[in-house]
Amino acid sequence: MSLIFAMLLMFWGAYLIGKKYKDSFLISYGRRKRGMIIIASSVLLLSFFVFVKNDGLFPVVLFSILLIGLGIYYLIHDSKRDSEGKKEN
């Protein structure tokens, strides 16, 4: 459970850093690839709990499914935004 809170704090901290340093290459790359980053981190979280810890998986699995869904949403949202930006140019 504390790992879930740590991930939420990490995402919130990344948001605040990205808001302050939005012109940096690393931050702009992270914003373009945020769906893939969220999916990768949730798969890592899920694999850690499946292979290392075998007890109390239900909340972690639900949270990981939620994050994977959020990552898929951001992948679709960002690809639509990028395709609209290319049409305007």
PDB file of N, CA and C in Angstrom:
ATOM      1  N   MET A   1       0.822  -1.184   0.000  1.00  0.00           N
ATOM      2  CA  MET A   1       0.000   0.000   0.000  1.00  0.00           C
ATOM      3  C   MET A   1       0.875   1.261   0.000  1.00  0.00           C
ATOM      4  N   SER A   2       1.971   1.208   0.718  1.00  0.00           N
ATOM      5  CA  SER A   2       2.853   2.373   0.741  1.00  0.00           C
ATOM      6  C   SER A   2       3.524   2.581  -0.615  1.00  0.00           C
ATOM      7  N   LEU A   3       3.692   1.504  -1.382  1.00  0.00           N
ATOM      8  CA  LEU A   3       4.263   1.639  -2.715  1.00  0.00           C
ATOM      9  C   LEU A   3       3.308   2.391  -3.646  1.00  0.00           C
ATOM     10  N   ILE A   4       2.021   2.181  -3.458  1.00  0.00           N
ATOM     11  CA  ILE A   4       1.026   2.905  -4.253  1.00  0.00           C
ATOM     12  C   ILE A   4       1.094   4.404  -3.941  1.00  0.00           C
ATOM     13  N   PHE A   5       1.188   4.735  -2.673  1.00  0.00           N
ATOM     14  CA  PHE A   5       1.308   6.142  -2.291  1.00  0.00           C
ATOM     15  C   PHE A   5       2.619   6.730  -2.809  1.00  0.00           C
ATOM     16  N   ALA A   6       3.678   5.943  -2.791  1.00  0.00           N
ATOM     17  CA  ALA A   6       4.961   6.422  -3.313  1.00  0.00           C
ATOM     18  C   ALA A   6       4.862   6.710  -4.808  1.00  0.00           C
ATOM     19  N   MET A   7       4.163   5.853  -5.551  1.00  0.00           N
ATOM     20  CA  MET A   7       3.996   6.099  -6.989  1.00  0.00           C
ATOM     21  C   MET A   7       3.146   7.340  -7.237  1.00  0.00           C
ATOM     22  N   LEU A   8       2.092   7.519  -6.453  1.00  0.00           N
ATOM     23  CA  LEU A   8       1.261   8.715  -6.606  1.00  0.00           C
ATOM     24  C   LEU A   8       2.064   9.981  -6.307  1.00  0.00           C
ATOM     25  N   LEU A   9       2.870   9.945  -5.257  1.00  0.00           N
ATOM     26  CA  LEU A   9       3.718  11.086  -4.939  1.00  0.00           C
ATOM     27  C   LEU A   9       4.761  11.332  -6.027  1.00  0.00           C
ATOM     28  N   MET A  10       5.264  10.247  -6.620  1.00  0.00           N
ATOM     29  CA  MET A  10       6.224  10.379  -7.704  1.00  0.00           C
ATOM     30  C   MET A  10       5.575  11.053  -8.917  1.00  0.00           C
ATOM     31  N   PHE A  11       4.354  10.632  -9.260  1.00  0.00           N
ATOM     32  CA  PHE A  11       3.657  11.246 -10.390  1.00  0.00           C
ATOM     33  C   PHE A  11       3.347  12.711 -10.104  1.00  0.00           C
ATOM     34  N   TRP A  12       2.930  13.013  -8.889  1.00  0.00           N
ATOM     35  CA  TRP A  12       2.627  14.389  -8.523  1.00  0.00           C
ATOM     36  C   TRP A  12       3.897  15.241  -8.556  1.00  0.00           C
ATOM     37  N   GLY A  13       4.983  14.709  -8.036  1.00  0.00           N
ATOM     38  CA  GLY A  13       6.255  15.421  -8.083  1.00  0.00           C
ATOM     39  C   GLY A  13       6.732  15.646  -9.505  1.00  0.00           C
ATOM     40  N   ALA A  14       6.544  14.643 -10.360  1.00  0.00           N
ATOM     41  CA  ALA A  14       6.918  14.800 -11.765  1.00  0.00           C
ATOM     42  C   ALA A  14       6.070  15.867 -12.433  1.00  0.00           C
ATOM     43  N   TYR A  15       4.797  15.931 -12.065  1.00  0.00           N
ATOM     44  CA  TYR A  15       3.919  16.973 -12.604  1.00  0.00           C
ATOM     45  C   TYR A  15       4.410  18.357 -12.201  1.00  0.00           C
ATOM     46  N   LEU A  16       4.762  18.509 -10.933  1.00  0.00           N
ATOM     47  CA  LEU A  16       5.231  19.820 -10.459  1.00  0.00           C
ATOM     48  C   LEU A  16       6.556  20.214 -11.107  1.00  0.00           C
ATOM     49  N   ILE A  17       7.451  19.255 -11.261  1.00  0.00           N
ATOM     50  CA  ILE A  17       8.731  19.541 -11.917  1.00  0.00           C
ATOM     51  C   ILE A  17       8.496  19.890 -13.383  1.00  0.00           C
ATOM     52  N   GLY A  18       7.597  19.147 -14.033  1.00  0.00           N
ATOM     53  CA  GLY A  18       7.286  19.428 -15.433  1.00  0.00           C
ATOM     54  C   GLY A  18       6.622  20.772 -15.622  1.00  0.00           C
ATOM     55  N   LYS A  19       5.848  21.169 -14.653  1.00  0.00           N
ATOM     56  CA  LYS A  19       5.182  22.474 -14.732  1.00  0.00           C
ATOM     57  C   LYS A  19       6.199  23.609 -14.619  1.00  0.00           C
ATOM     58  N   LYS A  20       7.214  23.402 -13.787  1.00  0.00           N
ATOM     59  CA  LYS A  20       8.213  24.447 -13.586  1.00  0.00           C
ATOM     60  C   LYS A  20       9.233  24.487 -14.726  1.00  0.00           C
ATOM     61  N   TYR A  21       9.683  23.312 -15.198  1.00  0.00           N
ATOM     62  CA  TYR A  21      10.718  23.225 -16.220  1.00  0.00           C
ATOM     63  C   TYR A  21      10.146  22.672 -17.523  1.00  0.00           C
ATOM     64  N   LYS A  22       9.083  23.269 -18.037  1.00  0.00           N
ATOM     65  CA  LYS A  22       8.387  22.698 -19.187  1.00  0.00           C
ATOM     66  C   LYS A  22       9.147  22.847 -20.500  1.00  0.00           C
ATOM     67  N   ASP A  23      10.145  23.684 -20.578  1.00  0.00           N
ATOM     68  CA  ASP A  23      10.890  23.861 -21.820  1.00  0.00           C
ATOM     69  C   ASP A  23      12.073  22.915 -21.953  1.00  0.00           C
ATOM     70  N   SER A  24      12.371  22.143 -20.944  1.00  0.00           N
ATOM     71  CA  SER A  24      13.492  21.214 -20.976  1.00  0.00           C
ATOM     72  C   SER A  24      13.206  20.056 -21.936  1.00  0.00           C
ATOM     73  N   PHE A  25      14.257  19.517 -22.555  1.00  0.00           N
ATOM     74  CA  PHE A  25      14.088  18.398 -23.485  1.00  0.00           C
ATOM     75  C   PHE A  25      13.532  17.166 -22.783  1.00  0.00           C
ATOM     76  N   LEU A  26      14.057  16.869 -21.615  1.00  0.00           N
ATOM     77  CA  LEU A  26      13.617  15.674 -20.886  1.00  0.00           C
ATOM     78  C   LEU A  26      12.146  15.773 -20.489  1.00  0.00           C
ATOM     79  N   ILE A  27      11.716  16.929 -20.054  1.00  0.00           N
ATOM     80  CA  ILE A  27      10.326  17.121 -19.653  1.00  0.00           C
ATOM     81  C   ILE A  27       9.404  17.061 -20.871  1.00  0.00           C
ATOM     82  N   SER A  28       9.802  17.691 -21.974  1.00  0.00           N
ATOM     83  CA  SER A  28       8.944  17.652 -23.162  1.00  0.00           C
ATOM     84  C   SER A  28       8.862  16.240 -23.736  1.00  0.00           C
ATOM     85  N   TYR A  29       9.959  15.478 -23.677  1.00  0.00           N
ATOM     86  CA  TYR A  29       9.925  14.088 -24.121  1.00  0.00           C
ATOM     87  C   TYR A  29       9.019  13.260 -23.210  1.00  0.00           C
ATOM     88  N   GLY A  30       9.100  13.505 -21.918  1.00  0.00           N
ATOM     89  CA  GLY A  30       8.239  12.789 -20.970  1.00  0.00           C
ATOM     90  C   GLY A  30       6.771  13.101 -21.171  1.00  0.00           C
ATOM     91  N   ARG A  31       6.456  14.324 -21.546  1.00  0.00           N
ATOM     92  CA  ARG A  31       5.058  14.668 -21.815  1.00  0.00           C
ATOM     93  C   ARG A  31       4.554  14.011 -23.086  1.00  0.00           C
ATOM     94  N   ARG A  32       5.426  13.879 -24.082  1.00  0.00           N
ATOM     95  CA  ARG A  32       5.004  13.209 -25.314  1.00  0.00           C
ATOM     96  C   ARG A  32       4.809  11.722 -25.109  1.00  0.00           C
ATOM     97  N   LYS A  33       5.598  11.125 -24.237  1.00  0.00           N
ATOM     98  CA  LYS A  33       5.563   9.681 -24.013  1.00  0.00           C
ATOM     99  C   LYS A  33       4.963   9.308 -22.661  1.00  0.00           C
ATOM    100  N   ARG A  34       4.087  10.139 -22.122  1.00  0.00           N
ATOM    101  CA  ARG A  34       3.571   9.894 -20.769  1.00  0.00           C
ATOM    102  C   ARG A  34       2.722   8.642 -20.686  1.00  0.00           C
ATOM    103  N   GLY A  35       2.004   8.295 -21.730  1.00  0.00           N
ATOM    104  CA  GLY A  35       1.201   7.068 -21.717  1.00  0.00           C
ATOM    105  C   GLY A  35       2.078   5.835 -21.582  1.00  0.00           C
ATOM    106  N   MET A  36       3.161   5.790 -22.345  1.00  0.00           N
ATOM    107  CA  MET A  36       4.064   4.642 -22.287  1.00  0.00           C
ATOM    108  C   MET A  36       4.793   4.585 -20.945  1.00  0.00           C
ATOM    109  N   ILE A  37       5.132   5.726 -20.386  1.00  0.00           N
ATOM    110  CA  ILE A  37       5.799   5.756 -19.081  1.00  0.00           C
ATOM    111  C   ILE A  37       4.871   5.236 -17.995  1.00  0.00           C
ATOM    112  N   ILE A  38       3.600   5.627 -18.031  1.00  0.00           N
ATOM    113  CA  ILE A  38       2.637   5.154 -17.039  1.00  0.00           C
ATOM    114  C   ILE A  38       2.411   3.656 -17.179  1.00  0.00           C
ATOM    115  N   ILE A  39       2.281   3.171 -18.407  1.00  0.00           N
ATOM    116  CA  ILE A  39       2.080   1.737 -18.619  1.00  0.00           C
ATOM    117  C   ILE A  39       3.294   0.948 -18.139  1.00  0.00           C
ATOM    118  N   ALA A  40       4.489   1.415 -18.476  1.00  0.00           N
ATOM    119  CA  ALA A  40       5.702   0.703 -18.062  1.00  0.00           C
ATOM    120  C   ALA A  40       5.854   0.676 -16.542  1.00  0.00           C
ATOM    121  N   SER A  41       5.574   1.792 -15.882  1.00  0.00           N
ATOM    122  CA  SER A  41       5.721   1.803 -14.428  1.00  0.00           C
ATOM    123  C   SER A  41       4.668   0.926 -13.751  1.00  0.00           C
ATOM    124  N   SER A  42       3.451   0.877 -14.297  1.00  0.00           N
ATOM    125  CA  SER A  42       2.436   0.023 -13.681  1.00  0.00           C
ATOM    126  C   SER A  42       2.725  -1.453 -13.927  1.00  0.00           C
ATOM    127  N   VAL A  43       3.296  -1.789 -15.080  1.00  0.00           N
ATOM    128  CA  VAL A  43       3.680  -3.184 -15.325  1.00  0.00           C
ATOM    129  C   VAL A  43       4.829  -3.579 -14.404  1.00  0.00           C
ATOM    130  N   LEU A  44       5.766  -2.668 -14.185  1.00  0.00           N
ATOM    131  CA  LEU A  44       6.847  -2.953 -13.235  1.00  0.00           C
ATOM    132  C   LEU A  44       6.311  -3.141 -11.817  1.00  0.00           C
ATOM    133  N   LEU A  45       5.365  -2.314 -11.419  1.00  0.00           N
ATOM    134  CA  LEU A  45       4.743  -2.456 -10.107  1.00  0.00           C
ATOM    135  C   LEU A  45       4.033  -3.794  -9.989  1.00  0.00           C
ATOM    136  N   LEU A  46       3.280  -4.146 -11.005  1.00  0.00           N
ATOM    137  CA  LEU A  46       2.549  -5.411 -10.988  1.00  0.00           C
ATOM    138  C   LEU A  46       3.501  -6.597 -10.979  1.00  0.00           C
ATOM    139  N   SER A  47       4.542  -6.553 -11.797  1.00  0.00           N
ATOM    140  CA  SER A  47       5.486  -7.673 -11.841  1.00  0.00           C
ATOM    141  C   SER A  47       6.257  -7.812 -10.535  1.00  0.00           C
ATOM    142  N   PHE A  48       6.551  -6.702  -9.878  1.00  0.00           N
ATOM    143  CA  PHE A  48       7.224  -6.779  -8.582  1.00  0.00           C
ATOM    144  C   PHE A  48       6.362  -7.520  -7.573  1.00  0.00           C
ATOM    145  N   PHE A  49       5.091  -7.179  -7.512  1.00  0.00           N
ATOM    146  CA  PHE A  49       4.231  -7.820  -6.540  1.00  0.00           C
ATOM    147  C   PHE A  49       3.900  -9.255  -6.908  1.00  0.00           C
ATOM    148  N   VAL A  50       3.871  -9.577  -8.177  1.00  0.00           N
ATOM    149  CA  VAL A  50       3.569 -10.950  -8.566  1.00  0.00           C
ATOM    150  C   VAL A  50       4.763 -11.862  -8.308  1.00  0.00           C
ATOM    151  N   PHE A  51       5.965 -11.415  -8.645  1.00  0.00           N
ATOM    152  CA  PHE A  51       7.131 -12.279  -8.540  1.00  0.00           C
ATOM    153  C   PHE A  51       7.842 -12.211  -7.192  1.00  0.00           C
ATOM    154  N   VAL A  52       7.725 -11.118  -6.478  1.00  0.00           N
ATOM    155  CA  VAL A  52       8.436 -10.983  -5.205  1.00  0.00           C
ATOM    156  C   VAL A  52       7.508 -11.218  -4.023  1.00  0.00           C
ATOM    157  N   LYS A  53       6.365 -10.556  -4.024  1.00  0.00           N
ATOM    158  CA  LYS A  53       5.414 -10.713  -2.928  1.00  0.00           C
ATOM    159  C   LYS A  53       4.207 -11.481  -3.447  1.00  0.00           C
ATOM    160  N   ASN A  54       3.754 -12.440  -2.695  1.00  0.00           N
ATOM    161  CA  ASN A  54       2.606 -13.230  -3.124  1.00  0.00           C
ATOM    162  C   ASN A  54       1.357 -12.962  -2.298  1.00  0.00           C
ATOM    163  N   ASP A  55       1.419 -12.087  -1.336  1.00  0.00           N
ATOM    164  CA  ASP A  55       0.251 -11.828  -0.499  1.00  0.00           C
ATOM    165  C   ASP A  55      -0.282 -10.414  -0.751  1.00  0.00           C
ATOM    166  N   GLY A  56      -1.565 -10.269  -0.648  1.00  0.00           N
ATOM    167  CA  GLY A  56      -2.207  -8.963  -0.792  1.00  0.00           C
ATOM    168  C   GLY A  56      -2.143  -8.384  -2.184  1.00  0.00           C
ATOM    169  N   LEU A  57      -2.378  -9.200  -3.193  1.00  0.00           N
ATOM    170  CA  LEU A  57      -2.249  -8.733  -4.567  1.00  0.00           C
ATOM    171  C   LEU A  57      -3.465  -7.977  -5.085  1.00  0.00           C
ATOM    172  N   PHE A  58      -4.626  -8.175  -4.516  1.00  0.00           N
ATOM    173  CA  PHE A  58      -5.851  -7.635  -5.095  1.00  0.00           C
ATOM    174  C   PHE A  58      -5.829  -6.108  -5.254  1.00  0.00           C
ATOM    175  N   PRO A  59      -5.484  -5.315  -4.225  1.00  0.00           N
ATOM    176  CA  PRO A  59      -5.456  -3.857  -4.423  1.00  0.00           C
ATOM    177  C   PRO A  59      -4.392  -3.418  -5.431  1.00  0.00           C
ATOM    178  N   VAL A  60      -3.270  -4.117  -5.437  1.00  0.00           N
ATOM    179  CA  VAL A  60      -2.195  -3.756  -6.360  1.00  0.00           C
ATOM    180  C   VAL A  60      -2.605  -4.049  -7.792  1.00  0.00           C
ATOM    181  N   VAL A  61      -3.271  -5.178  -8.007  1.00  0.00           N
ATOM    182  CA  VAL A  61      -3.733  -5.529  -9.351  1.00  0.00           C
ATOM    183  C   VAL A  61      -4.774  -4.518  -9.837  1.00  0.00           C
ATOM    184  N   LEU A  62      -5.701  -4.133  -8.978  1.00  0.00           N
ATOM    185  CA  LEU A  62      -6.698  -3.146  -9.371  1.00  0.00           C
ATOM    186  C   LEU A  62      -6.053  -1.790  -9.694  1.00  0.00           C
ATOM    187  N   PHE A  63      -5.107  -1.383  -8.878  1.00  0.00           N
ATOM    188  CA  PHE A  63      -4.419  -0.120  -9.121  1.00  0.00           C
ATOM    189  C   PHE A  63      -3.603  -0.177 -10.404  1.00  0.00           C
ATOM    190  N   SER A  64      -2.961  -1.317 -10.654  1.00  0.00           N
ATOM    191  CA  SER A  64      -2.175  -1.465 -11.880  1.00  0.00           C
ATOM    192  C   SER A  64      -3.070  -1.454 -13.110  1.00  0.00           C
ATOM    193  N   ILE A  65      -4.231  -2.091 -13.027  1.00  0.00           N
ATOM    194  CA  ILE A  65      -5.169  -2.066 -14.147  1.00  0.00           C
ATOM    195  C   ILE A  65      -5.653  -0.645 -14.389  1.00  0.00           C
ATOM    196  N   LEU A  66      -5.907   0.096 -13.326  1.00  0.00           N
ATOM    197  CA  LEU A  66      -6.306   1.494 -13.462  1.00  0.00           C
ATOM    198  C   LEU A  66      -5.210   2.311 -14.146  1.00  0.00           C
ATOM    199  N   LEU A  67      -3.964   2.112 -13.744  1.00  0.00           N
ATOM    200  CA  LEU A  67      -2.861   2.854 -14.349  1.00  0.00           C
ATOM    201  C   LEU A  67      -2.631   2.449 -15.800  1.00  0.00           C
ATOM    202  N   ILE A  68      -2.782   1.166 -16.106  1.00  0.00           N
ATOM    203  CA  ILE A  68      -2.636   0.727 -17.492  1.00  0.00           C
ATOM    204  C   ILE A  68      -3.729   1.361 -18.355  1.00  0.00           C
ATOM    205  N   GLY A  69      -4.947   1.409 -17.840  1.00  0.00           N
ATOM    206  CA  GLY A  69      -6.029   2.079 -18.567  1.00  0.00           C
ATOM    207  C   GLY A  69      -5.750   3.559 -18.762  1.00  0.00           C
ATOM    208  N   LEU A  70      -5.218   4.211 -17.734  1.00  0.00           N
ATOM    209  CA  LEU A  70      -4.855   5.622 -17.843  1.00  0.00           C
ATOM    210  C   LEU A  70      -3.754   5.826 -18.880  1.00  0.00           C
ATOM    211  N   GLY A  71      -2.790   4.910 -18.895  1.00  0.00           N
ATOM    212  CA  GLY A  71      -1.718   4.998 -19.890  1.00  0.00           C
ATOM    213  C   GLY A  71      -2.231   4.812 -21.301  1.00  0.00           C
ATOM    214  N   ILE A  72      -3.164   3.888 -21.500  1.00  0.00           N
ATOM    215  CA  ILE A  72      -3.758   3.690 -22.826  1.00  0.00           C
ATOM    216  C   ILE A  72      -4.537   4.933 -23.242  1.00  0.00           C
ATOM    217  N   TYR A  73      -5.260   5.526 -22.300  1.00  0.00           N
ATOM    218  CA  TYR A  73      -5.985   6.772 -22.601  1.00  0.00           C
ATOM    219  C   TYR A  73      -5.016   7.855 -23.059  1.00  0.00           C
ATOM    220  N   TYR A  74      -3.901   8.019 -22.340  1.00  0.00           N
ATOM    221  CA  TYR A  74      -2.943   9.047 -22.719  1.00  0.00           C
ATOM    222  C   TYR A  74      -2.270   8.736 -24.054  1.00  0.00           C
ATOM    223  N   LEU A  75      -2.031   7.455 -24.353  1.00  0.00           N
ATOM    224  CA  LEU A  75      -1.477   7.100 -25.657  1.00  0.00           C
ATOM    225  C   LEU A  75      -2.414   7.529 -26.776  1.00  0.00           C
ATOM    226  N   ILE A  76      -3.702   7.237 -26.622  1.00  0.00           N
ATOM    227  CA  ILE A  76      -4.685   7.609 -27.643  1.00  0.00           C
ATOM    228  C   ILE A  76      -4.825   9.129 -27.719  1.00  0.00           C
ATOM    229  N   HIS A  77      -4.920   9.775 -26.563  1.00  0.00           N
ATOM    230  CA  HIS A  77      -5.087  11.234 -26.518  1.00  0.00           C
ATOM    231  C   HIS A  77      -3.900  11.942 -27.162  1.00  0.00           C
ATOM    232  N   ASP A  78      -2.686  11.512 -26.833  1.00  0.00           N
ATOM    233  CA  ASP A  78      -1.498  12.171 -27.377  1.00  0.00           C
ATOM    234  C   ASP A  78      -1.326  11.891 -28.866  1.00  0.00           C
ATOM    235  N   SER A  79      -1.688  10.694 -29.307  1.00  0.00           N
ATOM    236  CA  SER A  79      -1.561  10.407 -30.744  1.00  0.00           C
ATOM    237  C   SER A  79      -2.563  11.240 -31.549  1.00  0.00           C
ATOM    238  N   LYS A  80      -3.767  11.436 -31.005  1.00  0.00           N
ATOM    239  CA  LYS A  80      -4.739  12.307 -31.684  1.00  0.00           C
ATOM    240  C   LYS A  80      -4.252  13.747 -31.719  1.00  0.00           C
ATOM    241  N   ARG A  81      -3.678  14.198 -30.612  1.00  0.00           N
ATOM    242  CA  ARG A  81      -3.172  15.574 -30.548  1.00  0.00           C
ATOM    243  C   ARG A  81      -2.010  15.767 -31.514  1.00  0.00           C
ATOM    244  N   ASP A  82      -1.124  14.777 -31.604  1.00  0.00           N
ATOM    245  CA  ASP A  82       0.010  14.879 -32.526  1.00  0.00           C
ATOM    246  C   ASP A  82      -0.447  14.856 -33.973  1.00  0.00           C
ATOM    247  N   SER A  83      -1.449  14.029 -34.295  1.00  0.00           N
ATOM    248  CA  SER A  83      -1.927  13.968 -35.675  1.00  0.00           C
ATOM    249  C   SER A  83      -2.657  15.251 -36.061  1.00  0.00           C
ATOM    250  N   GLU A  84      -3.361  15.874 -35.123  1.00  0.00           N
ATOM    251  CA  GLU A  84      -4.005  17.158 -35.407  1.00  0.00           C
ATOM    252  C   GLU A  84      -2.975  18.258 -35.593  1.00  0.00           C
ATOM    253  N   GLY A  85      -1.883  18.195 -34.826  1.00  0.00           N
ATOM    254  CA  GLY A  85      -0.817  19.187 -34.974  1.00  0.00           C
ATOM    255  C   GLY A  85      -0.114  19.052 -36.302  1.00  0.00           C
ATOM    256  N   LYS A  86       0.036  17.841 -36.827  1.00  0.00           N
ATOM    257  CA  LYS A  86       0.685  17.641 -38.115  1.00  0.00           C
ATOM    258  C   LYS A  86      -0.222  18.082 -39.263  1.00  0.00           C
ATOM    259  N   LYS A  87      -1.530  17.962 -39.082  1.00  0.00           N
ATOM    260  CA  LYS A  87      -2.468  18.392 -40.133  1.00  0.00           C
ATOM    261  C   LYS A  87      -2.442  19.906 -40.297  1.00  0.00           C
ATOM    262  N   GLU A  88      -2.230  20.641 -39.197  1.00  0.00           N
ATOM    263  CA  GLU A  88      -2.220  22.095 -39.257  1.00  0.00           C
ATOM    264  C   GLU A  88      -0.970  22.618 -39.943  1.00  0.00           C
ATOM    265  N   ASN A  89       0.129  21.901 -39.830  1.00  0.00           N
ATOM    266  CA  ASN A  89       1.399  22.378 -40.423  1.00  0.00           C
ATOM    267  C   ASN A  89       1.440  22.079 -41.856  1.00  0.00           C
TER     268      ASN A  89
END
